[in-house]
Amino acid sequence: MGLDVIYIQAKQWSNPVGCPEVRKFVGALHGKKARKGVFITTSSFTKEAHDFVKHLDPKVVLIDGETLARLMIEHNVGVTVKSVYELKAVDRDFFEEPS
């Protein structure tokens, strides 16, 4: 059916996550014979880390803090709606004379 187990590592970092940390994660995936992984950080990833995962097997997705925040807002996870705005347009049919 195409269902796989996906391993996730999430860490709160203040500095960019480099290739060594991603390599450790990939090593752990190999140890579990996993084919897919997601590495999430609150900071960012270095260019070397992004380059490292491009052609890997197992497949590893890197999610940085900016992407994480966007996904949280998009899927309403851990967020609260503060304001809702209505956008209105003139209904031209209202002003047309009946035939």
PDB file of N, CA and C in Angstrom:
ATOM      1  N   MET A   1       0.816  -1.198   0.000  1.00  0.00           N
ATOM      2  CA  MET A   1       0.000   0.000   0.000  1.00  0.00           C
ATOM      3  C   MET A   1       0.861   1.264   0.000  1.00  0.00           C
ATOM      4  N   GLY A   2       2.158   1.131   0.095  1.00  0.00           N
ATOM      5  CA  GLY A   2       3.013   2.307   0.078  1.00  0.00           C
ATOM      6  C   GLY A   2       3.138   3.000   1.420  1.00  0.00           C
ATOM      7  N   LEU A   3       2.775   2.325   2.490  1.00  0.00           N
ATOM      8  CA  LEU A   3       2.871   2.936   3.812  1.00  0.00           C
ATOM      9  C   LEU A   3       4.253   2.673   4.396  1.00  0.00           C
ATOM     10  N   ASP A   4       4.882   3.719   4.910  1.00  0.00           N
ATOM     11  CA  ASP A   4       6.200   3.608   5.518  1.00  0.00           C
ATOM     12  C   ASP A   4       6.177   4.228   6.900  1.00  0.00           C
ATOM     13  N   VAL A   5       7.063   3.775   7.739  1.00  0.00           N
ATOM     14  CA  VAL A   5       7.287   4.421   9.024  1.00  0.00           C
ATOM     15  C   VAL A   5       8.194   5.615   8.758  1.00  0.00           C
ATOM     16  N   ILE A   6       7.843   6.745   9.330  1.00  0.00           N
ATOM     17  CA  ILE A   6       8.652   7.950   9.175  1.00  0.00           C
ATOM     18  C   ILE A   6       9.189   8.336  10.547  1.00  0.00           C
ATOM     19  N   TYR A   7      10.509   8.450  10.643  1.00  0.00           N
ATOM     20  CA  TYR A   7      11.148   8.841  11.889  1.00  0.00           C
ATOM     21  C   TYR A   7      11.320  10.352  11.912  1.00  0.00           C
ATOM     22  N   ILE A   8      11.079  10.941  13.078  1.00  0.00           N
ATOM     23  CA  ILE A   8      11.142  12.389  13.227  1.00  0.00           C
ATOM     24  C   ILE A   8      12.107  12.746  14.352  1.00  0.00           C
ATOM     25  N   GLN A   9      12.927  13.747  14.095  1.00  0.00           N
ATOM     26  CA  GLN A   9      13.771  14.321  15.138  1.00  0.00           C
ATOM     27  C   GLN A   9      13.462  15.805  15.179  1.00  0.00           C
ATOM     28  N   ALA A  10      13.138  16.319  16.336  1.00  0.00           N
ATOM     29  CA  ALA A  10      12.835  17.741  16.500  1.00  0.00           C
ATOM     30  C   ALA A  10      13.682  18.294  17.626  1.00  0.00           C
ATOM     31  N   LYS A  11      14.363  19.412  17.348  1.00  0.00           N
ATOM     32  CA  LYS A  11      15.229  20.022  18.350  1.00  0.00           C
ATOM     33  C   LYS A  11      15.087  21.534  18.297  1.00  0.00           C
ATOM     34  N   GLN A  12      15.165  22.123  19.487  1.00  0.00           N
ATOM     35  CA  GLN A  12      15.169  23.575  19.582  1.00  0.00           C
ATOM     36  C   GLN A  12      16.623  24.038  19.590  1.00  0.00           C
ATOM     37  N   TRP A  13      17.015  24.690  18.527  1.00  0.00           N
ATOM     38  CA  TRP A  13      18.374  25.186  18.382  1.00  0.00           C
ATOM     39  C   TRP A  13      18.331  26.688  18.180  1.00  0.00           C
ATOM     40  N   SER A  14      19.396  27.371  18.575  1.00  0.00           N
ATOM     41  CA  SER A  14      19.488  28.799  18.274  1.00  0.00           C
ATOM     42  C   SER A  14      20.442  29.034  17.104  1.00  0.00           C
ATOM     43  N   ASN A  15      21.432  28.165  16.937  1.00  0.00           N
ATOM     44  CA  ASN A  15      22.378  28.266  15.825  1.00  0.00           C
ATOM     45  C   ASN A  15      21.936  27.359  14.682  1.00  0.00           C
ATOM     46  N   PRO A  16      22.364  27.653  13.457  1.00  0.00           N
ATOM     47  CA  PRO A  16      22.016  26.774  12.333  1.00  0.00           C
ATOM     48  C   PRO A  16      22.507  25.340  12.557  1.00  0.00           C
ATOM     49  N   VAL A  17      21.696  24.385  12.138  1.00  0.00           N
ATOM     50  CA  VAL A  17      22.042  22.970  12.261  1.00  0.00           C
ATOM     51  C   VAL A  17      22.897  22.596  11.053  1.00  0.00           C
ATOM     52  N   GLY A  18      24.054  22.016  11.323  1.00  0.00           N
ATOM     53  CA  GLY A  18      24.982  21.674  10.260  1.00  0.00           C
ATOM     54  C   GLY A  18      24.914  20.216   9.847  1.00  0.00           C
ATOM     55  N   CYS A  19      25.765  19.897   8.922  1.00  0.00           N
ATOM     56  CA  CYS A  19      25.834  18.559   8.354  1.00  0.00           C
ATOM     57  C   CYS A  19      26.122  17.472   9.400  1.00  0.00           C
ATOM     58  N   PRO A  20      27.001  17.709  10.395  1.00  0.00           N
ATOM     59  CA  PRO A  20      27.276  16.639  11.366  1.00  0.00           C
ATOM     60  C   PRO A  20      26.026  16.141  12.097  1.00  0.00           C
ATOM     61  N   GLU A  21      25.143  17.062  12.496  1.00  0.00           N
ATOM     62  CA  GLU A  21      23.918  16.645  13.200  1.00  0.00           C
ATOM     63  C   GLU A  21      22.991  15.873  12.266  1.00  0.00           C
ATOM     64  N   VAL A  22      22.903  16.315  11.030  1.00  0.00           N
ATOM     65  CA  VAL A  22      22.046  15.621  10.061  1.00  0.00           C
ATOM     66  C   VAL A  22      22.619  14.238   9.766  1.00  0.00           C
ATOM     67  N   ARG A  23      23.945  14.126   9.666  1.00  0.00           N
ATOM     68  CA  ARG A  23      24.585  12.815   9.448  1.00  0.00           C
ATOM     69  C   ARG A  23      24.272  11.850  10.597  1.00  0.00           C
ATOM     70  N   LYS A  24      24.264  12.353  11.826  1.00  0.00           N
ATOM     71  CA  LYS A  24      23.925  11.497  12.974  1.00  0.00           C
ATOM     72  C   LYS A  24      22.497  10.973  12.847  1.00  0.00           C
ATOM     73  N   PHE A  25      21.596  11.853  12.429  1.00  0.00           N
ATOM     74  CA  PHE A  25      20.203  11.452  12.242  1.00  0.00           C
ATOM     75  C   PHE A  25      20.086  10.387  11.152  1.00  0.00           C
ATOM     76  N   VAL A  26      20.782  10.599  10.047  1.00  0.00           N
ATOM     77  CA  VAL A  26      20.768   9.630   8.945  1.00  0.00           C
ATOM     78  C   VAL A  26      21.351   8.295   9.409  1.00  0.00           C
ATOM     79  N   GLY A  27      22.403   8.342  10.225  1.00  0.00           N
ATOM     80  CA  GLY A  27      22.975   7.117  10.781  1.00  0.00           C
ATOM     81  C   GLY A  27      21.963   6.364  11.635  1.00  0.00           C
ATOM     82  N   ALA A  28      21.191   7.112  12.428  1.00  0.00           N
ATOM     83  CA  ALA A  28      20.149   6.483  13.244  1.00  0.00           C
ATOM     84  C   ALA A  28      19.070   5.857  12.359  1.00  0.00           C
ATOM     85  N   LEU A  29      18.740   6.525  11.247  1.00  0.00           N
ATOM     86  CA  LEU A  29      17.760   5.968  10.313  1.00  0.00           C
ATOM     87  C   LEU A  29      18.260   4.662   9.723  1.00  0.00           C
ATOM     88  N   HIS A  30      19.538   4.635   9.327  1.00  0.00           N
ATOM     89  CA  HIS A  30      20.115   3.400   8.788  1.00  0.00           C
ATOM     90  C   HIS A  30      20.084   2.286   9.830  1.00  0.00           C
ATOM     91  N   GLY A  31      20.343   2.640  11.084  1.00  0.00           N
ATOM     92  CA  GLY A  31      20.309   1.650  12.154  1.00  0.00           C
ATOM     93  C   GLY A  31      18.940   1.025  12.340  1.00  0.00           C
ATOM     94  N   LYS A  32      17.891   1.782  12.041  1.00  0.00           N
ATOM     95  CA  LYS A  32      16.511   1.280  12.154  1.00  0.00           C
ATOM     96  C   LYS A  32      15.983   0.732  10.825  1.00  0.00           C
ATOM     97  N   LYS A  33      16.842   0.759   9.787  1.00  0.00           N
ATOM     98  CA  LYS A  33      16.434   0.358   8.437  1.00  0.00           C
ATOM     99  C   LYS A  33      15.248   1.187   7.946  1.00  0.00           C
ATOM    100  N   ALA A  34      15.243   2.469   8.351  1.00  0.00           N
ATOM    101  CA  ALA A  34      14.169   3.386   7.970  1.00  0.00           C
ATOM    102  C   ALA A  34      14.455   3.976   6.601  1.00  0.00           C
ATOM    103  N   ARG A  35      13.384   4.257   5.871  1.00  0.00           N
ATOM    104  CA  ARG A  35      13.527   4.815   4.530  1.00  0.00           C
ATOM    105  C   ARG A  35      13.181   6.297   4.467  1.00  0.00           C
ATOM    106  N   LYS A  36      12.547   6.819   5.521  1.00  0.00           N
ATOM    107  CA  LYS A  36      12.120   8.219   5.507  1.00  0.00           C
ATOM    108  C   LYS A  36      12.316   8.848   6.884  1.00  0.00           C
ATOM    109  N   GLY A  37      12.736  10.111   6.864  1.00  0.00           N
ATOM    110  CA  GLY A  37      12.911  10.841   8.106  1.00  0.00           C
ATOM    111  C   GLY A  37      12.632  12.315   7.924  1.00  0.00           C
ATOM    112  N   VAL A  38      12.245  12.958   9.010  1.00  0.00           N
ATOM    113  CA  VAL A  38      12.008  14.395   9.027  1.00  0.00           C
ATOM    114  C   VAL A  38      12.812  14.975  10.178  1.00  0.00           C
ATOM    115  N   PHE A  39      13.642  15.963   9.888  1.00  0.00           N
ATOM    116  CA  PHE A  39      14.456  16.642  10.895  1.00  0.00           C
ATOM    117  C   PHE A  39      13.913  18.059  11.015  1.00  0.00           C
ATOM    118  N   ILE A  40      13.414  18.392  12.196  1.00  0.00           N
ATOM    119  CA  ILE A  40      12.799  19.696  12.440  1.00  0.00           C
ATOM    120  C   ILE A  40      13.658  20.475  13.420  1.00  0.00           C
ATOM    121  N   THR A  41      13.883  21.745  13.124  1.00  0.00           N
ATOM    122  CA  THR A  41      14.597  22.615  14.047  1.00  0.00           C
ATOM    123  C   THR A  41      13.889  23.963  14.125  1.00  0.00           C
ATOM    124  N   THR A  42      14.045  24.637  15.247  1.00  0.00           N
ATOM    125  CA  THR A  42      13.480  25.969  15.394  1.00  0.00           C
ATOM    126  C   THR A  42      14.381  27.024  14.766  1.00  0.00           C
ATOM    127  N   SER A  43      15.610  26.652  14.428  1.00  0.00           N
ATOM    128  CA  SER A  43      16.528  27.607  13.810  1.00  0.00           C
ATOM    129  C   SER A  43      16.531  27.402  12.300  1.00  0.00           C
ATOM    130  N   SER A  44      17.685  27.128  11.721  1.00  0.00           N
ATOM    131  CA  SER A  44      17.801  26.918  10.276  1.00  0.00           C
ATOM    132  C   SER A  44      18.812  25.806  10.023  1.00  0.00           C
ATOM    133  N   PHE A  45      18.989  25.456   8.766  1.00  0.00           N
ATOM    134  CA  PHE A  45      19.978  24.457   8.372  1.00  0.00           C
ATOM    135  C   PHE A  45      21.035  25.131   7.503  1.00  0.00           C
ATOM    136  N   THR A  46      22.255  24.659   7.599  1.00  0.00           N
ATOM    137  CA  THR A  46      23.319  25.193   6.761  1.00  0.00           C
ATOM    138  C   THR A  46      23.135  24.697   5.334  1.00  0.00           C
ATOM    139  N   LYS A  47      23.776  25.370   4.399  1.00  0.00           N
ATOM    140  CA  LYS A  47      23.746  24.952   3.002  1.00  0.00           C
ATOM    141  C   LYS A  47      24.296  23.536   2.869  1.00  0.00           C
ATOM    142  N   GLU A  48      25.346  23.222   3.628  1.00  0.00           N
ATOM    143  CA  GLU A  48      25.944  21.885   3.580  1.00  0.00           C
ATOM    144  C   GLU A  48      24.939  20.812   4.004  1.00  0.00           C
ATOM    145  N   ALA A  49      24.131  21.120   5.016  1.00  0.00           N
ATOM    146  CA  ALA A  49      23.109  20.165   5.471  1.00  0.00           C
ATOM    147  C   ALA A  49      22.074  19.932   4.372  1.00  0.00           C
ATOM    148  N   HIS A  50      21.638  21.017   3.723  1.00  0.00           N
ATOM    149  CA  HIS A  50      20.671  20.882   2.623  1.00  0.00           C
ATOM    150  C   HIS A  50      21.266  20.080   1.467  1.00  0.00           C
ATOM    151  N   ASP A  51      22.521  20.374   1.127  1.00  0.00           N
ATOM    152  CA  ASP A  51      23.183  19.646   0.033  1.00  0.00           C
ATOM    153  C   ASP A  51      23.331  18.167   0.356  1.00  0.00           C
ATOM    154  N   PHE A  52      23.621  17.858   1.618  1.00  0.00           N
ATOM    155  CA  PHE A  52      23.835  16.476   2.046  1.00  0.00           C
ATOM    156  C   PHE A  52      22.596  15.610   1.837  1.00  0.00           C
ATOM    157  N   VAL A  53      21.410  16.148   2.127  1.00  0.00           N
ATOM    158  CA  VAL A  53      20.196  15.323   2.071  1.00  0.00           C
ATOM    159  C   VAL A  53      19.579  15.229   0.676  1.00  0.00           C
ATOM    160  N   LYS A  54      20.093  16.002  -0.288  1.00  0.00           N
ATOM    161  CA  LYS A  54      19.468  16.036  -1.616  1.00  0.00           C
ATOM    162  C   LYS A  54      19.367  14.679  -2.290  1.00  0.00           C
ATOM    163  N   HIS A  55      20.401  13.862  -2.210  1.00  0.00           N
ATOM    164  CA  HIS A  55      20.422  12.595  -2.964  1.00  0.00           C
ATOM    165  C   HIS A  55      20.573  11.394  -2.041  1.00  0.00           C
ATOM    166  N   LEU A  56      20.006  11.495  -0.867  1.00  0.00           N
ATOM    167  CA  LEU A  56      20.132  10.416   0.119  1.00  0.00           C
ATOM    168  C   LEU A  56      19.087   9.335  -0.056  1.00  0.00           C
ATOM    169  N   ASP A  57      19.454   8.157   0.324  1.00  0.00           N
ATOM    170  CA  ASP A  57      18.497   7.094   0.602  1.00  0.00           C
ATOM    171  C   ASP A  57      18.902   6.587   1.976  1.00  0.00           C
ATOM    172  N   PRO A  58      18.200   6.873   3.013  1.00  0.00           N
ATOM    173  CA  PRO A  58      16.794   7.235   3.116  1.00  0.00           C
ATOM    174  C   PRO A  58      16.517   8.703   2.768  1.00  0.00           C
ATOM    175  N   LYS A  59      15.268   8.952   2.420  1.00  0.00           N
ATOM    176  CA  LYS A  59      14.810  10.300   2.111  1.00  0.00           C
ATOM    177  C   LYS A  59      14.664  11.070   3.420  1.00  0.00           C
ATOM    178  N   VAL A  60      15.291  12.252   3.491  1.00  0.00           N
ATOM    179  CA  VAL A  60      15.225  13.082   4.695  1.00  0.00           C
ATOM    180  C   VAL A  60      14.726  14.466   4.301  1.00  0.00           C
ATOM    181  N   VAL A  61      13.694  14.931   4.997  1.00  0.00           N
ATOM    182  CA  VAL A  61      13.139  16.264   4.791  1.00  0.00           C
ATOM    183  C   VAL A  61      13.600  17.139   5.949  1.00  0.00           C
ATOM    184  N   LEU A  62      14.109  18.327   5.615  1.00  0.00           N
ATOM    185  CA  LEU A  62      14.542  19.281   6.628  1.00  0.00           C
ATOM    186  C   LEU A  62      13.493  20.383   6.750  1.00  0.00           C
ATOM    187  N   ILE A  63      13.029  20.628   7.968  1.00  0.00           N
ATOM    188  CA  ILE A  63      12.048  21.684   8.209  1.00  0.00           C
ATOM    189  C   ILE A  63      12.662  22.661   9.202  1.00  0.00           C
ATOM    190  N   ASP A  64      12.895  23.902   8.734  1.00  0.00           N
ATOM    191  CA  ASP A  64      13.482  24.913   9.602  1.00  0.00           C
ATOM    192  C   ASP A  64      12.388  25.673  10.354  1.00  0.00           C
ATOM    193  N   GLY A  65      12.805  26.572  11.227  1.00  0.00           N
ATOM    194  CA  GLY A  65      11.862  27.299  12.073  1.00  0.00           C
ATOM    195  C   GLY A  65      10.848  28.117  11.301  1.00  0.00           C
ATOM    196  N   GLU A  66      11.280  28.774  10.233  1.00  0.00           N
ATOM    197  CA  GLU A  66      10.367  29.580   9.425  1.00  0.00           C
ATOM    198  C   GLU A  66       9.311  28.702   8.762  1.00  0.00           C
ATOM    199  N   THR A  67       9.728  27.586   8.204  1.00  0.00           N
ATOM    200  CA  THR A  67       8.788  26.656   7.570  1.00  0.00           C
ATOM    201  C   THR A  67       7.865  26.043   8.618  1.00  0.00           C
ATOM    202  N   LEU A  68       8.417  25.717   9.780  1.00  0.00           N
ATOM    203  CA  LEU A  68       7.605  25.159  10.865  1.00  0.00           C
ATOM    204  C   LEU A  68       6.503  26.135  11.275  1.00  0.00           C
ATOM    205  N   ALA A  69       6.859  27.410  11.433  1.00  0.00           N
ATOM    206  CA  ALA A  69       5.867  28.419  11.817  1.00  0.00           C
ATOM    207  C   ALA A  69       4.788  28.551  10.749  1.00  0.00           C
ATOM    208  N   ARG A  70       5.189  28.559   9.469  1.00  0.00           N
ATOM    209  CA  ARG A  70       4.222  28.655   8.373  1.00  0.00           C
ATOM    210  C   ARG A  70       3.270  27.462   8.370  1.00  0.00           C
ATOM    211  N   LEU A  71       3.817  26.260   8.568  1.00  0.00           N
ATOM    212  CA  LEU A  71       2.983  25.052   8.597  1.00  0.00           C
ATOM    213  C   LEU A  71       2.035  25.059   9.796  1.00  0.00           C
ATOM    214  N   MET A  72       2.514  25.548  10.931  1.00  0.00           N
ATOM    215  CA  MET A  72       1.655  25.629  12.120  1.00  0.00           C
ATOM    216  C   MET A  72       0.475  26.568  11.874  1.00  0.00           C
ATOM    217  N   ILE A  73       0.744  27.716  11.256  1.00  0.00           N
ATOM    218  CA  ILE A  73      -0.330  28.667  10.955  1.00  0.00           C
ATOM    219  C   ILE A  73      -1.280  28.077   9.923  1.00  0.00           C
ATOM    220  N   GLU A  74      -0.728  27.488   8.875  1.00  0.00           N
ATOM    221  CA  GLU A  74      -1.531  26.918   7.790  1.00  0.00           C
ATOM    222  C   GLU A  74      -2.468  25.819   8.279  1.00  0.00           C
ATOM    223  N   HIS A  75      -2.015  25.010   9.245  1.00  0.00           N
ATOM    224  CA  HIS A  75      -2.800  23.871   9.719  1.00  0.00           C
ATOM    225  C   HIS A  75      -3.402  24.085  11.105  1.00  0.00           C
ATOM    226  N   ASN A  76      -3.359  25.328  11.591  1.00  0.00           N
ATOM    227  CA  ASN A  76      -3.955  25.688  12.883  1.00  0.00           C
ATOM    228  C   ASN A  76      -3.453  24.827  14.037  1.00  0.00           C
ATOM    229  N   VAL A  77      -2.150  24.647  14.094  1.00  0.00           N
ATOM    230  CA  VAL A  77      -1.537  23.870  15.179  1.00  0.00           C
ATOM    231  C   VAL A  77      -0.784  24.833  16.092  1.00  0.00           C
ATOM    232  N   GLY A  78      -1.197  24.899  17.348  1.00  0.00           N
ATOM    233  CA  GLY A  78      -0.503  25.742  18.313  1.00  0.00           C
ATOM    234  C   GLY A  78      -0.688  27.230  18.086  1.00  0.00           C
ATOM    235  N   VAL A  79      -1.738  27.606  17.375  1.00  0.00           N
ATOM    236  CA  VAL A  79      -2.001  29.019  17.113  1.00  0.00           C
ATOM    237  C   VAL A  79      -3.430  29.366  17.507  1.00  0.00           C
ATOM    238  N   THR A  80      -3.669  30.655  17.750  1.00  0.00           N
ATOM    239  CA  THR A  80      -4.986  31.151  18.096  1.00  0.00           C
ATOM    240  C   THR A  80      -5.344  32.279  17.139  1.00  0.00           C
ATOM    241  N   VAL A  81      -6.574  32.287  16.652  1.00  0.00           N
ATOM    242  CA  VAL A  81      -7.032  33.359  15.779  1.00  0.00           C
ATOM    243  C   VAL A  81      -7.259  34.605  16.635  1.00  0.00           C
ATOM    244  N   LYS A  82      -6.618  35.710  16.272  1.00  0.00           N
ATOM    245  CA  LYS A  82      -6.750  36.970  17.012  1.00  0.00           C
ATOM    246  C   LYS A  82      -7.809  37.873  16.382  1.00  0.00           C
ATOM    247  N   SER A  83      -7.841  37.953  15.063  1.00  0.00           N
ATOM    248  CA  SER A  83      -8.790  38.816  14.362  1.00  0.00           C
ATOM    249  C   SER A  83      -9.200  38.160  13.053  1.00  0.00           C
ATOM    250  N   VAL A  84     -10.428  38.457  12.644  1.00  0.00           N
ATOM    251  CA  VAL A  84     -10.930  38.004  11.358  1.00  0.00           C
ATOM    252  C   VAL A  84     -11.439  39.242  10.629  1.00  0.00           C
ATOM    253  N   TYR A  85     -11.058  39.402   9.379  1.00  0.00           N
ATOM    254  CA  TYR A  85     -11.463  40.553   8.588  1.00  0.00           C
ATOM    255  C   TYR A  85     -12.375  40.099   7.459  1.00  0.00           C
ATOM    256  N   GLU A  86     -13.423  40.914   7.207  1.00  0.00           N
ATOM    257  CA  GLU A  86     -14.315  40.637   6.087  1.00  0.00           C
ATOM    258  C   GLU A  86     -13.917  41.528   4.931  1.00  0.00           C
ATOM    259  N   LEU A  87     -13.908  40.964   3.755  1.00  0.00           N
ATOM    260  CA  LEU A  87     -13.636  41.708   2.537  1.00  0.00           C
ATOM    261  C   LEU A  87     -14.932  41.734   1.743  1.00  0.00           C
ATOM    262  N   LYS A  88     -15.424  42.944   1.450  1.00  0.00           N
ATOM    263  CA  LYS A  88     -16.709  43.066   0.776  1.00  0.00           C
ATOM    264  C   LYS A  88     -16.521  43.692  -0.596  1.00  0.00           C
ATOM    265  N   ALA A  89     -17.432  43.322  -1.506  1.00  0.00           N
ATOM    266  CA  ALA A  89     -17.459  43.881  -2.850  1.00  0.00           C
ATOM    267  C   ALA A  89     -18.882  44.317  -3.159  1.00  0.00           C
ATOM    268  N   VAL A  90     -19.006  45.304  -4.008  1.00  0.00           N
ATOM    269  CA  VAL A  90     -20.330  45.784  -4.395  1.00  0.00           C
ATOM    270  C   VAL A  90     -21.012  44.732  -5.256  1.00  0.00           C
ATOM    271  N   ASP A  91     -22.271  44.449  -4.931  1.00  0.00           N
ATOM    272  CA  ASP A  91     -23.076  43.503  -5.696  1.00  0.00           C
ATOM    273  C   ASP A  91     -23.775  44.275  -6.802  1.00  0.00           C
ATOM    274  N   ARG A  92     -23.249  44.230  -8.008  1.00  0.00           N
ATOM    275  CA  ARG A  92     -23.792  44.996  -9.140  1.00  0.00           C
ATOM    276  C   ARG A  92     -25.199  44.545  -9.512  1.00  0.00           C
ATOM    277  N   ASP A  93     -25.509  43.293  -9.295  1.00  0.00           N
ATOM    278  CA  ASP A  93     -26.849  42.798  -9.597  1.00  0.00           C
ATOM    279  C   ASP A  93     -27.915  43.520  -8.761  1.00  0.00           C
ATOM    280  N   PHE A  94     -27.589  43.958  -7.574  1.00  0.00           N
ATOM    281  CA  PHE A  94     -28.505  44.650  -6.686  1.00  0.00           C
ATOM    282  C   PHE A  94     -28.997  45.956  -7.320  1.00  0.00           C
ATOM    283  N   PHE A  95     -28.115  46.605  -8.122  1.00  0.00           N
ATOM    284  CA  PHE A  95     -28.430  47.902  -8.682  1.00  0.00           C
ATOM    285  C   PHE A  95     -29.021  47.841 -10.085  1.00  0.00           C
ATOM    286  N   GLU A  96     -29.065  46.687 -10.697  1.00  0.00           N
ATOM    287  CA  GLU A  96     -29.626  46.540 -12.041  1.00  0.00           C
ATOM    288  C   GLU A  96     -31.150  46.506 -11.967  1.00  0.00           C
ATOM    289  N   GLU A  97     -31.757  47.125 -12.972  1.00  0.00           N
ATOM    290  CA  GLU A  97     -33.228  47.148 -13.035  1.00  0.00           C
ATOM    291  C   GLU A  97     -33.729  45.813 -13.566  1.00  0.00           C
ATOM    292  N   PRO A  98     -34.825  45.308 -12.989  1.00  0.00           N
ATOM    293  CA  PRO A  98     -35.377  44.049 -13.509  1.00  0.00           C
ATOM    294  C   PRO A  98     -35.906  44.244 -14.929  1.00  0.00           C
ATOM    295  N   SER A  99     -35.785  43.237 -15.767  1.00  0.00           N
ATOM    296  CA  SER A  99     -36.270  43.351 -17.146  1.00  0.00           C
ATOM    297  C   SER A  99     -37.673  42.876 -17.313  1.00  0.00           C
TER     298      SER A  99
END
